[in-house]
Amino acid sequence: MNVSPVSFRSPPAELLIYARTISDDDLCAWCCHLWYQPGEESVCEHHAGPHWPGTQDEDGYIQRCNAWSPPPENVAP
């Protein structure tokens, strides 16, 4: 099982209307711009209203994104 290296952090409450469920199959799960909340919906720092910057595939997963950036290496938990 792959574990996302993205930090768990809660987005500001006013952004939760733009939240979506993130799967390990989403490129977002591996991006440092994600406000990731396990078991909850998550938010991208680069969203533009209800639109996230990535391109979804036919299954609804984000597979390409110009804003994608990997998390920093060797981040302490």
Protein backbone atom coordinates (compact mmCIF):
# COMPACT_ATOMS: atom_id res chain seq x y z
CA MET A 1 0.00 0.00 0.00
CA ASN A 2 1.35 3.43 -0.96
CA VAL A 3 1.18 6.11 1.70
CA SER A 4 0.97 9.71 0.59
CA PRO A 5 3.85 11.85 1.90
CA VAL A 6 1.55 14.89 2.00
CA SER A 7 1.03 16.43 5.44
CA PHE A 8 -2.38 16.19 7.04
CA ARG A 9 -3.77 19.68 7.55
CA SER A 10 -7.20 21.20 7.68
CA PRO A 11 -8.15 23.83 5.11
CA PRO A 12 -9.72 27.10 6.21
CA ALA A 13 -13.46 26.58 6.79
CA GLU A 14 -14.45 29.07 4.07
CA LEU A 15 -12.71 26.90 1.45
CA LEU A 16 -14.53 23.68 2.33
CA ILE A 17 -17.22 24.44 -0.25
CA TYR A 18 -14.51 23.69 -2.87
CA ALA A 19 -13.44 20.41 -1.24
CA ARG A 20 -13.47 17.01 -2.91
CA THR A 21 -12.66 13.45 -1.98
CA ILE A 22 -9.08 12.48 -2.82
CA SER A 23 -8.02 8.95 -3.73
CA ASP A 24 -4.50 7.49 -3.87
CA ASP A 25 -5.15 7.34 -7.63
CA ASP A 26 -5.34 11.16 -7.77
CA LEU A 27 -2.13 12.98 -8.62
CA CYS A 28 -3.29 15.42 -5.91
CA ALA A 29 -2.62 12.81 -3.22
CA TRP A 30 1.09 13.29 -3.90
CA CYS A 31 1.16 17.11 -4.15
CA CYS A 32 2.38 19.61 -1.56
CA HIS A 33 -0.47 22.01 -2.48
CA LEU A 34 -3.14 19.72 -1.06
CA TRP A 35 -4.85 20.44 2.25
CA TYR A 36 -5.38 16.74 2.93
CA GLN A 37 -7.79 15.48 5.57
CA PRO A 38 -7.96 11.67 5.83
CA GLY A 39 -11.56 10.49 5.80
CA GLU A 40 -12.78 13.99 4.91
CA GLU A 41 -12.85 16.07 1.74
CA SER A 42 -9.65 17.93 0.86
CA VAL A 43 -8.80 21.24 -0.83
CA CYS A 44 -6.15 22.30 -3.36
CA GLU A 45 -4.36 25.58 -2.56
CA HIS A 46 -4.52 26.43 -6.27
CA HIS A 47 -8.25 25.99 -6.83
CA ALA A 48 -10.15 28.73 -8.64
CA GLY A 49 -13.56 28.56 -7.05
CA PRO A 50 -15.01 25.13 -7.74
CA HIS A 51 -12.35 24.40 -10.39
CA TRP A 52 -9.20 22.56 -9.42
CA PRO A 53 -6.16 23.13 -11.68
CA GLY A 54 -5.77 19.51 -12.76
CA THR A 55 -7.29 17.56 -15.64
CA GLN A 56 -9.53 14.65 -14.72
CA ASP A 57 -9.49 11.33 -16.52
CA GLU A 58 -12.65 9.43 -17.52
CA ASP A 59 -12.90 8.00 -13.99
CA GLY A 60 -12.77 11.44 -12.35
CA TYR A 61 -9.20 11.19 -11.05
CA ILE A 62 -6.78 14.10 -11.53
CA GLN A 63 -3.91 12.72 -13.62
CA ARG A 64 -2.28 15.90 -14.99
CA CYS A 65 -1.78 19.27 -13.31
CA ASN A 66 0.45 22.22 -14.15
CA ALA A 67 0.42 23.30 -10.48
CA TRP A 68 1.57 19.88 -9.20
CA SER A 69 4.61 19.92 -6.96
CA PRO A 70 5.99 17.03 -4.90
CA PRO A 71 6.27 17.42 -1.13
CA PRO A 72 9.67 18.33 0.26
CA GLU A 73 11.92 15.37 0.97
CA ASN A 74 12.79 14.24 4.47
CA VAL A 75 9.91 16.03 6.14
CA ALA A 76 9.54 15.02 9.77
CA PRO A 77 6.13 13.56 10.61
